[in-house]
């Protein structure tokens, strides 16, 4: 078994990594850390940056309103700054996979098997980049994926298994 050279992270994995209130936050951060330590190239669909910015901001605004009943201008600016920093972090540690009209065409074709267009754009990005794996926590996307797709937990297990096997071979 060979160590994957690249893993494309679905938008939901980036959201998990940047929003500690999400259920899979710890695992997403761990996957990113392990990939970086093992030299596995992290990828993301370019359109995910927009979604991360918007959804992180919306989540944090919702949380602030739930706590205080309203959102101050200062809080809104701080949230926008944090969302911008999340996108900058993505760009710092991962490679954006671009998109052109052919990816939109492919995503529309993928909708025949999976109706979520955003997910289909992520599949098109994984296809374009020849990613070894797509890491996602979207069970429907995993079922319908046209590329090798793993949950974050399974992707971590695969990388750890490779690392353990590689260490055993070096010491044996």
N, C-alpha and C. Protein backbone atom coordinates (compact mmCIF):
# COMPACT_ATOMS: atom_id res chain seq x y z
N UNK A 1 0.86 -1.18 0.00
CA UNK A 1 0.00 0.00 0.00
C UNK A 1 0.90 1.23 0.00
N UNK A 2 0.58 2.19 -0.83
CA UNK A 2 1.38 3.41 -0.93
C UNK A 2 0.69 4.57 -0.23
N UNK A 3 1.49 5.40 0.35
CA UNK A 3 0.99 6.62 0.98
C UNK A 3 0.36 7.49 -0.09
N UNK A 4 -0.84 8.00 0.16
CA UNK A 4 -1.43 8.90 -0.84
C UNK A 4 -0.54 10.13 -1.02
N UNK A 5 -0.45 10.60 -2.25
CA UNK A 5 0.34 11.81 -2.48
C UNK A 5 -0.52 13.07 -2.36
N UNK A 6 -1.85 12.92 -2.55
CA UNK A 6 -2.73 14.08 -2.44
C UNK A 6 -4.11 13.68 -1.94
N UNK A 7 -4.69 14.58 -1.14
CA UNK A 7 -6.04 14.39 -0.62
C UNK A 7 -6.79 15.70 -0.81
N UNK A 8 -7.92 15.63 -1.49
CA UNK A 8 -8.76 16.81 -1.63
C UNK A 8 -9.76 16.81 -0.49
N UNK A 9 -9.79 17.89 0.27
CA UNK A 9 -10.71 18.01 1.40
C UNK A 9 -11.99 18.69 0.93
N UNK A 10 -13.11 18.04 1.21
CA UNK A 10 -14.42 18.60 0.90
C UNK A 10 -14.64 19.85 1.74
N UNK A 11 -15.52 20.69 1.29
CA UNK A 11 -15.84 21.93 2.01
C UNK A 11 -16.21 21.65 3.46
N UNK A 12 -16.97 20.56 3.71
CA UNK A 12 -17.40 20.29 5.09
C UNK A 12 -16.23 19.97 6.00
N UNK A 13 -15.14 19.44 5.46
CA UNK A 13 -13.96 19.15 6.28
C UNK A 13 -13.27 20.46 6.68
N UNK A 14 -13.18 21.38 5.74
CA UNK A 14 -12.60 22.70 6.08
C UNK A 14 -13.47 23.40 7.12
N UNK A 15 -14.79 23.33 6.95
CA UNK A 15 -15.69 23.95 7.93
C UNK A 15 -15.49 23.33 9.31
N UNK A 16 -15.37 22.01 9.35
CA UNK A 16 -15.12 21.33 10.63
C UNK A 16 -13.81 21.82 11.26
N UNK A 17 -12.79 21.98 10.45
CA UNK A 17 -11.49 22.39 10.97
C UNK A 17 -11.52 23.80 11.55
N UNK A 18 -12.29 24.68 10.94
CA UNK A 18 -12.28 26.09 11.36
C UNK A 18 -13.36 26.45 12.37
N UNK A 19 -14.34 25.60 12.56
CA UNK A 19 -15.44 25.88 13.50
C UNK A 19 -15.43 24.82 14.59
N UNK A 20 -14.84 25.15 15.72
CA UNK A 20 -14.71 24.21 16.83
C UNK A 20 -16.03 23.73 17.40
N UNK A 21 -17.14 24.38 17.06
CA UNK A 21 -18.44 23.97 17.56
C UNK A 21 -19.01 22.80 16.75
N UNK A 22 -18.38 22.48 15.63
CA UNK A 22 -18.88 21.38 14.79
C UNK A 22 -18.43 20.04 15.34
N UNK A 23 -19.24 19.03 15.15
CA UNK A 23 -19.04 17.70 15.72
C UNK A 23 -17.71 17.06 15.33
N UNK A 24 -17.26 17.25 14.11
CA UNK A 24 -16.05 16.56 13.62
C UNK A 24 -14.83 17.48 13.58
N UNK A 25 -14.84 18.55 14.36
CA UNK A 25 -13.77 19.54 14.31
C UNK A 25 -12.41 18.93 14.66
N UNK A 26 -12.34 18.17 15.73
CA UNK A 26 -11.05 17.61 16.16
C UNK A 26 -10.46 16.71 15.09
N UNK A 27 -11.27 15.83 14.52
CA UNK A 27 -10.79 14.90 13.50
C UNK A 27 -10.31 15.63 12.24
N UNK A 28 -11.04 16.67 11.84
CA UNK A 28 -10.64 17.43 10.65
C UNK A 28 -9.28 18.10 10.87
N UNK A 29 -9.10 18.70 12.04
CA UNK A 29 -7.81 19.33 12.35
C UNK A 29 -6.70 18.29 12.37
N UNK A 30 -7.00 17.14 12.93
CA UNK A 30 -6.01 16.06 13.00
C UNK A 30 -5.63 15.58 11.60
N UNK A 31 -6.60 15.42 10.71
CA UNK A 31 -6.30 14.99 9.35
C UNK A 31 -5.39 16.00 8.66
N UNK A 32 -5.68 17.26 8.80
CA UNK A 32 -4.85 18.29 8.18
C UNK A 32 -3.43 18.22 8.74
N UNK A 33 -3.31 18.11 10.06
CA UNK A 33 -1.98 18.02 10.69
C UNK A 33 -1.21 16.80 10.22
N UNK A 34 -1.87 15.64 10.18
CA UNK A 34 -1.21 14.40 9.77
C UNK A 34 -0.76 14.50 8.31
N UNK A 35 -1.60 15.01 7.44
CA UNK A 35 -1.22 15.16 6.04
C UNK A 35 -0.01 16.07 5.89
N UNK A 36 -0.01 17.17 6.63
CA UNK A 36 1.13 18.08 6.55
C UNK A 36 2.41 17.39 7.03
N UNK A 37 2.33 16.67 8.15
CA UNK A 37 3.51 15.97 8.70
C UNK A 37 4.02 14.89 7.76
N UNK A 38 3.11 14.21 7.06
CA UNK A 38 3.49 13.10 6.19
C UNK A 38 3.84 13.56 4.77
N UNK A 39 3.72 14.85 4.50
CA UNK A 39 4.05 15.37 3.17
C UNK A 39 2.99 15.07 2.12
N UNK A 40 1.77 14.87 2.55
CA UNK A 40 0.65 14.62 1.63
C UNK A 40 0.08 15.97 1.21
N UNK A 41 0.01 16.20 -0.09
CA UNK A 41 -0.50 17.47 -0.59
C UNK A 41 -1.99 17.58 -0.30
N UNK A 42 -2.37 18.67 0.35
CA UNK A 42 -3.78 18.96 0.59
C UNK A 42 -4.30 19.82 -0.55
N UNK A 43 -5.53 19.51 -0.97
CA UNK A 43 -6.17 20.22 -2.07
C UNK A 43 -7.56 20.67 -1.65
N UNK A 44 -8.08 21.68 -2.33
CA UNK A 44 -9.47 22.08 -2.15
C UNK A 44 -9.99 22.65 -3.46
N UNK A 45 -11.27 22.44 -3.69
CA UNK A 45 -11.91 23.03 -4.86
C UNK A 45 -11.93 24.54 -4.66
N UNK A 46 -11.53 25.29 -5.69
CA UNK A 46 -11.44 26.74 -5.55
C UNK A 46 -12.74 27.35 -5.03
N UNK A 47 -13.87 26.83 -5.47
CA UNK A 47 -15.16 27.35 -5.02
C UNK A 47 -15.41 27.13 -3.54
N UNK A 48 -14.70 26.19 -2.93
CA UNK A 48 -14.86 25.95 -1.49
C UNK A 48 -14.43 27.14 -0.66
N UNK A 49 -13.48 27.93 -1.17
CA UNK A 49 -13.02 29.10 -0.41
C UNK A 49 -14.17 30.07 -0.15
N UNK A 50 -14.98 30.31 -1.17
CA UNK A 50 -16.15 31.20 -1.02
C UNK A 50 -17.13 30.62 -0.02
N UNK A 51 -17.36 29.31 -0.12
CA UNK A 51 -18.31 28.66 0.78
C UNK A 51 -17.81 28.68 2.22
N UNK A 52 -16.52 28.44 2.42
CA UNK A 52 -15.95 28.47 3.77
C UNK A 52 -16.10 29.87 4.34
N UNK A 53 -15.74 30.89 3.58
CA UNK A 53 -15.86 32.27 4.06
C UNK A 53 -17.29 32.56 4.50
N UNK A 54 -18.24 32.26 3.63
CA UNK A 54 -19.64 32.57 3.92
C UNK A 54 -20.18 31.74 5.09
N UNK A 55 -19.95 30.43 5.07
CA UNK A 55 -20.55 29.55 6.08
C UNK A 55 -19.92 29.70 7.46
N UNK A 56 -18.62 29.95 7.52
CA UNK A 56 -17.98 30.21 8.82
C UNK A 56 -18.56 31.50 9.40
N UNK A 57 -18.66 32.53 8.57
CA UNK A 57 -19.23 33.79 9.03
C UNK A 57 -20.66 33.63 9.50
N UNK A 58 -21.46 32.92 8.75
CA UNK A 58 -22.87 32.72 9.11
C UNK A 58 -22.99 31.94 10.42
N UNK A 59 -22.17 30.92 10.59
CA UNK A 59 -22.21 30.12 11.82
C UNK A 59 -21.82 30.95 13.03
N UNK A 60 -20.75 31.70 12.90
CA UNK A 60 -20.30 32.51 14.04
C UNK A 60 -21.29 33.63 14.36
N UNK A 61 -21.90 34.21 13.37
CA UNK A 61 -22.92 35.24 13.60
C UNK A 61 -24.13 34.64 14.31
N UNK A 62 -24.53 33.44 13.88
CA UNK A 62 -25.64 32.74 14.53
C UNK A 62 -25.31 32.46 16.00
N UNK A 63 -24.09 32.00 16.26
CA UNK A 63 -23.67 31.71 17.63
C UNK A 63 -23.67 32.97 18.48
N UNK A 64 -23.17 34.08 17.93
CA UNK A 64 -23.12 35.35 18.67
C UNK A 64 -24.53 35.85 18.97
N UNK A 65 -25.42 35.74 18.00
CA UNK A 65 -26.81 36.18 18.22
C UNK A 65 -27.50 35.31 19.26
N UNK A 66 -27.20 34.02 19.26
CA UNK A 66 -27.81 33.11 20.24
C UNK A 66 -27.35 33.45 21.66
N UNK A 67 -26.11 33.87 21.79
CA UNK A 67 -25.57 34.21 23.11
C UNK A 67 -26.06 35.56 23.61
N UNK A 68 -26.06 36.57 22.74
CA UNK A 68 -26.34 37.95 23.17
C UNK A 68 -27.61 38.55 22.59
N UNK A 69 -28.27 37.82 21.71
CA UNK A 69 -29.51 38.32 21.14
C UNK A 69 -29.33 39.26 19.97
N UNK A 70 -28.12 39.76 19.78
CA UNK A 70 -27.84 40.65 18.65
C UNK A 70 -26.37 40.55 18.28
N UNK A 71 -26.03 41.18 17.18
CA UNK A 71 -24.66 41.15 16.68
C UNK A 71 -24.19 42.58 16.54
N UNK A 72 -23.15 42.93 17.26
CA UNK A 72 -22.62 44.30 17.18
C UNK A 72 -21.79 44.46 15.91
N UNK A 73 -21.56 45.69 15.52
CA UNK A 73 -20.73 45.97 14.35
C UNK A 73 -19.31 45.45 14.57
N UNK A 74 -18.81 45.59 15.77
CA UNK A 74 -17.47 45.08 16.10
C UNK A 74 -17.39 43.57 15.98
N UNK A 75 -18.44 42.89 16.45
CA UNK A 75 -18.46 41.42 16.32
C UNK A 75 -18.51 41.02 14.84
N UNK A 76 -19.32 41.72 14.07
CA UNK A 76 -19.43 41.41 12.65
C UNK A 76 -18.08 41.60 11.95
N UNK A 77 -17.35 42.66 12.29
CA UNK A 77 -16.01 42.87 11.71
C UNK A 77 -15.05 41.77 12.13
N UNK A 78 -15.09 41.39 13.41
CA UNK A 78 -14.20 40.33 13.91
C UNK A 78 -14.50 39.00 13.22
N UNK A 79 -15.77 38.72 13.01
CA UNK A 79 -16.17 37.48 12.34
C UNK A 79 -15.69 37.50 10.89
N UNK A 80 -15.84 38.62 10.21
CA UNK A 80 -15.37 38.74 8.82
C UNK A 80 -13.85 38.57 8.76
N UNK A 81 -13.15 39.12 9.73
CA UNK A 81 -11.69 38.98 9.79
C UNK A 81 -11.30 37.51 9.99
N UNK A 82 -12.02 36.82 10.88
CA UNK A 82 -11.73 35.42 11.11
C UNK A 82 -12.02 34.58 9.87
N UNK A 83 -13.15 34.84 9.21
CA UNK A 83 -13.50 34.09 8.00
C UNK A 83 -12.45 34.30 6.91
N UNK A 84 -11.96 35.53 6.79
CA UNK A 84 -10.89 35.83 5.83
C UNK A 84 -9.63 35.07 6.19
N UNK A 85 -9.31 35.00 7.49
CA UNK A 85 -8.13 34.26 7.95
C UNK A 85 -8.26 32.76 7.65
N UNK A 86 -9.47 32.23 7.75
CA UNK A 86 -9.69 30.82 7.42
C UNK A 86 -9.36 30.54 5.96
N UNK A 87 -9.82 31.40 5.08
CA UNK A 87 -9.54 31.24 3.65
C UNK A 87 -8.04 31.40 3.39
N UNK A 88 -7.42 32.36 4.06
CA UNK A 88 -5.96 32.54 3.91
C UNK A 88 -5.21 31.30 4.38
N UNK A 89 -5.68 30.69 5.47
CA UNK A 89 -5.05 29.48 5.97
C UNK A 89 -5.18 28.34 4.97
N UNK A 90 -6.35 28.22 4.36
CA UNK A 90 -6.54 27.20 3.32
C UNK A 90 -5.49 27.38 2.22
N UNK A 91 -5.33 28.63 1.77
CA UNK A 91 -4.39 28.92 0.69
C UNK A 91 -2.95 28.68 1.12
N UNK A 92 -2.66 28.87 2.40
CA UNK A 92 -1.30 28.66 2.91
C UNK A 92 -0.92 27.19 3.00
N UNK A 93 -1.87 26.33 3.35
CA UNK A 93 -1.53 24.93 3.61
C UNK A 93 -2.00 23.96 2.53
N UNK A 94 -2.80 24.46 1.60
CA UNK A 94 -3.36 23.57 0.57
C UNK A 94 -3.33 24.27 -0.78
N UNK A 95 -3.53 23.49 -1.81
CA UNK A 95 -3.54 24.00 -3.18
C UNK A 95 -4.97 24.05 -3.69
N UNK A 96 -5.33 25.22 -4.19
CA UNK A 96 -6.66 25.36 -4.80
C UNK A 96 -6.66 24.68 -6.16
N UNK A 97 -7.70 23.93 -6.42
CA UNK A 97 -7.89 23.29 -7.73
C UNK A 97 -8.83 24.19 -8.51
N UNK A 98 -8.33 24.74 -9.60
CA UNK A 98 -9.11 25.67 -10.40
C UNK A 98 -10.29 25.02 -11.09
N UNK A 99 -11.06 25.85 -11.73
CA UNK A 99 -12.27 25.38 -12.37
C UNK A 99 -12.47 26.17 -13.66
N UNK A 100 -12.96 25.49 -14.67
CA UNK A 100 -13.35 26.17 -15.89
C UNK A 100 -14.68 25.58 -16.36
N UNK A 101 -15.09 25.94 -17.55
CA UNK A 101 -16.38 25.50 -18.05
C UNK A 101 -16.49 23.97 -18.13
N UNK A 102 -15.36 23.29 -18.35
CA UNK A 102 -15.42 21.83 -18.44
C UNK A 102 -15.77 21.21 -17.09
N UNK A 103 -15.37 21.85 -16.01
CA UNK A 103 -15.71 21.33 -14.68
C UNK A 103 -17.21 21.52 -14.39
N UNK A 104 -17.74 22.63 -14.85
CA UNK A 104 -19.18 22.87 -14.68
C UNK A 104 -19.96 21.84 -15.50
N UNK A 105 -19.50 21.57 -16.72
CA UNK A 105 -20.13 20.56 -17.56
C UNK A 105 -20.09 19.20 -16.85
N UNK A 106 -18.91 18.83 -16.30
CA UNK A 106 -18.77 17.55 -15.62
C UNK A 106 -19.65 17.49 -14.38
N UNK A 107 -19.68 18.57 -13.60
CA UNK A 107 -20.51 18.60 -12.40
C UNK A 107 -21.99 18.42 -12.76
N UNK A 108 -22.43 19.01 -13.84
CA UNK A 108 -23.82 18.83 -14.28
C UNK A 108 -24.09 17.38 -14.64
N UNK A 109 -23.12 16.71 -15.23
CA UNK A 109 -23.28 15.28 -15.55
C UNK A 109 -23.31 14.45 -14.27
N UNK A 110 -22.47 14.80 -13.29
CA UNK A 110 -22.45 14.09 -12.01
C UNK A 110 -23.79 14.21 -11.28
N UNK A 111 -24.53 15.27 -11.56
CA UNK A 111 -25.82 15.45 -10.89
C UNK A 111 -26.81 14.33 -11.23
N UNK A 112 -26.53 13.58 -12.24
CA UNK A 112 -27.40 12.43 -12.55
C UNK A 112 -27.31 11.37 -11.46
N UNK A 113 -26.17 11.32 -10.77
CA UNK A 113 -26.00 10.33 -9.70
C UNK A 113 -25.99 10.96 -8.31
N UNK A 114 -25.75 12.27 -8.25
CA UNK A 114 -25.71 12.98 -6.96
C UNK A 114 -26.26 14.39 -7.17
N UNK A 115 -27.39 14.73 -6.58
CA UNK A 115 -28.09 15.97 -6.93
C UNK A 115 -27.45 17.27 -6.44
N UNK A 116 -26.54 17.22 -5.46
CA UNK A 116 -25.97 18.44 -4.88
C UNK A 116 -24.89 19.01 -5.80
N UNK A 117 -25.18 20.14 -6.44
CA UNK A 117 -24.26 20.72 -7.43
C UNK A 117 -22.92 21.11 -6.80
N UNK A 118 -22.94 21.66 -5.60
CA UNK A 118 -21.68 22.03 -4.95
C UNK A 118 -20.81 20.80 -4.75
N UNK A 119 -21.39 19.71 -4.30
CA UNK A 119 -20.65 18.46 -4.15
C UNK A 119 -20.09 17.99 -5.50
N UNK A 120 -20.88 18.15 -6.54
CA UNK A 120 -20.44 17.72 -7.86
C UNK A 120 -19.26 18.55 -8.36
N UNK A 121 -19.22 19.82 -7.99
CA UNK A 121 -18.06 20.65 -8.31
C UNK A 121 -16.82 20.16 -7.56
N UNK A 122 -17.00 19.71 -6.33
CA UNK A 122 -15.89 19.14 -5.55
C UNK A 122 -15.40 17.86 -6.23
N UNK A 123 -16.32 17.02 -6.69
CA UNK A 123 -15.94 15.80 -7.43
C UNK A 123 -15.17 16.16 -8.69
N UNK A 124 -15.62 17.17 -9.40
CA UNK A 124 -14.92 17.60 -10.62
C UNK A 124 -13.51 18.08 -10.29
N UNK A 125 -13.36 18.77 -9.15
CA UNK A 125 -12.03 19.22 -8.74
C UNK A 125 -11.13 18.03 -8.40
N UNK A 126 -11.67 17.04 -7.72
CA UNK A 126 -10.89 15.84 -7.38
C UNK A 126 -10.46 15.13 -8.67
N UNK A 127 -11.36 15.07 -9.62
CA UNK A 127 -11.06 14.46 -10.92
C UNK A 127 -9.97 15.26 -11.64
N UNK A 128 -10.14 16.58 -11.70
CA UNK A 128 -9.18 17.45 -12.40
C UNK A 128 -7.78 17.31 -11.79
N UNK A 129 -7.70 17.26 -10.46
CA UNK A 129 -6.41 17.22 -9.77
C UNK A 129 -5.81 15.82 -9.70
N UNK A 130 -6.57 14.82 -10.13
CA UNK A 130 -6.13 13.42 -9.99
C UNK A 130 -5.79 13.12 -8.53
N UNK A 131 -6.63 13.62 -7.62
CA UNK A 131 -6.42 13.40 -6.19
C UNK A 131 -6.51 11.91 -5.88
N UNK A 132 -5.65 11.45 -5.00
CA UNK A 132 -5.71 10.04 -4.61
C UNK A 132 -6.99 9.75 -3.84
N UNK A 133 -7.40 10.71 -3.00
CA UNK A 133 -8.61 10.53 -2.20
C UNK A 133 -9.34 11.85 -2.05
N UNK A 134 -10.64 11.74 -1.89
CA UNK A 134 -11.49 12.84 -1.47
C UNK A 134 -11.87 12.53 -0.03
N UNK A 135 -11.57 13.44 0.90
CA UNK A 135 -11.97 13.26 2.29
C UNK A 135 -13.22 14.11 2.53
N UNK A 136 -14.27 13.46 3.03
CA UNK A 136 -15.54 14.14 3.27
C UNK A 136 -16.28 13.45 4.41
N UNK A 137 -17.14 14.17 5.07
CA UNK A 137 -18.01 13.57 6.06
C UNK A 137 -19.45 13.49 5.54
N UNK A 138 -19.62 13.73 4.26
CA UNK A 138 -20.92 13.68 3.62
C UNK A 138 -21.16 12.25 3.13
N UNK A 139 -22.00 11.52 3.85
CA UNK A 139 -22.22 10.11 3.53
C UNK A 139 -22.81 9.91 2.13
N UNK A 140 -23.72 10.77 1.73
CA UNK A 140 -24.30 10.65 0.39
C UNK A 140 -23.24 10.88 -0.68
N UNK A 141 -22.38 11.86 -0.47
CA UNK A 141 -21.31 12.11 -1.43
C UNK A 141 -20.37 10.91 -1.51
N UNK A 142 -20.05 10.30 -0.37
CA UNK A 142 -19.19 9.11 -0.40
C UNK A 142 -19.83 7.98 -1.21
N UNK A 143 -21.14 7.81 -1.05
CA UNK A 143 -21.84 6.74 -1.78
C UNK A 143 -21.84 6.99 -3.28
N UNK A 144 -21.94 8.25 -3.68
CA UNK A 144 -22.08 8.59 -5.09
C UNK A 144 -20.78 9.04 -5.75
N UNK A 145 -19.70 9.10 -5.00
CA UNK A 145 -18.45 9.65 -5.52
C UNK A 145 -17.93 8.88 -6.72
N UNK A 146 -17.41 9.64 -7.66
CA UNK A 146 -16.82 9.06 -8.87
C UNK A 146 -15.31 8.93 -8.71
N UNK A 147 -14.80 9.28 -7.54
CA UNK A 147 -13.38 9.15 -7.19
C UNK A 147 -13.33 8.42 -5.85
N UNK A 148 -12.16 7.96 -5.45
CA UNK A 148 -12.02 7.29 -4.16
C UNK A 148 -12.33 8.29 -3.05
N UNK A 149 -13.37 8.02 -2.27
CA UNK A 149 -13.81 8.94 -1.22
C UNK A 149 -13.82 8.21 0.11
N UNK A 150 -13.28 8.88 1.12
CA UNK A 150 -13.22 8.33 2.47
C UNK A 150 -13.74 9.34 3.47
N UNK A 151 -14.26 8.84 4.57
CA UNK A 151 -14.59 9.75 5.67
C UNK A 151 -13.28 10.26 6.25
N UNK A 152 -13.33 11.32 7.00
CA UNK A 152 -12.13 11.86 7.64
C UNK A 152 -11.51 10.79 8.53
N UNK A 153 -12.35 10.11 9.28
CA UNK A 153 -11.88 9.05 10.18
C UNK A 153 -11.17 7.94 9.41
N UNK A 154 -11.75 7.49 8.30
CA UNK A 154 -11.14 6.43 7.50
C UNK A 154 -9.87 6.91 6.80
N UNK A 155 -9.85 8.15 6.38
CA UNK A 155 -8.65 8.70 5.74
C UNK A 155 -7.50 8.74 6.76
N UNK A 156 -7.80 9.16 7.98
CA UNK A 156 -6.79 9.16 9.05
C UNK A 156 -6.29 7.74 9.31
N UNK A 157 -7.19 6.78 9.38
CA UNK A 157 -6.81 5.39 9.62
C UNK A 157 -5.91 4.87 8.51
N UNK A 158 -6.23 5.18 7.26
CA UNK A 158 -5.42 4.74 6.13
C UNK A 158 -4.01 5.31 6.22
N UNK A 159 -3.91 6.59 6.50
CA UNK A 159 -2.58 7.23 6.58
C UNK A 159 -1.80 6.67 7.76
N UNK A 160 -2.46 6.47 8.88
CA UNK A 160 -1.77 5.89 10.05
C UNK A 160 -1.31 4.46 9.77
N UNK A 161 -2.14 3.70 9.06
CA UNK A 161 -1.77 2.33 8.72
C UNK A 161 -0.53 2.33 7.85
N UNK A 162 -0.49 3.22 6.88
CA UNK A 162 0.69 3.32 6.04
C UNK A 162 1.91 3.70 6.88
N UNK A 163 1.75 4.70 7.73
CA UNK A 163 2.88 5.15 8.56
C UNK A 163 3.37 4.02 9.46
N UNK A 164 2.46 3.25 10.06
CA UNK A 164 2.84 2.13 10.93
C UNK A 164 3.55 1.05 10.12
N UNK A 165 3.05 0.74 8.94
CA UNK A 165 3.67 -0.27 8.09
C UNK A 165 5.04 0.16 7.61
N UNK A 166 5.17 1.43 7.29
CA UNK A 166 6.43 1.98 6.83
C UNK A 166 7.47 1.94 7.96
N UNK A 167 7.05 2.27 9.19
CA UNK A 167 7.94 2.25 10.34
C UNK A 167 8.37 0.80 10.64
N UNK A 168 7.44 -0.14 10.54
CA UNK A 168 7.75 -1.55 10.79
C UNK A 168 8.76 -2.07 9.79
N UNK A 169 8.62 -1.66 8.50
CA UNK A 169 9.57 -2.10 7.48
C UNK A 169 10.96 -1.53 7.72
N UNK A 170 11.02 -0.28 8.21
CA UNK A 170 12.31 0.34 8.46
C UNK A 170 13.03 -0.28 9.64
N UNK A 171 12.29 -0.73 10.66
CA UNK A 171 12.92 -1.30 11.83
C UNK A 171 13.13 -2.80 11.69
N UNK A 172 12.45 -3.43 10.72
CA UNK A 172 12.50 -4.89 10.54
C UNK A 172 13.55 -5.29 9.63
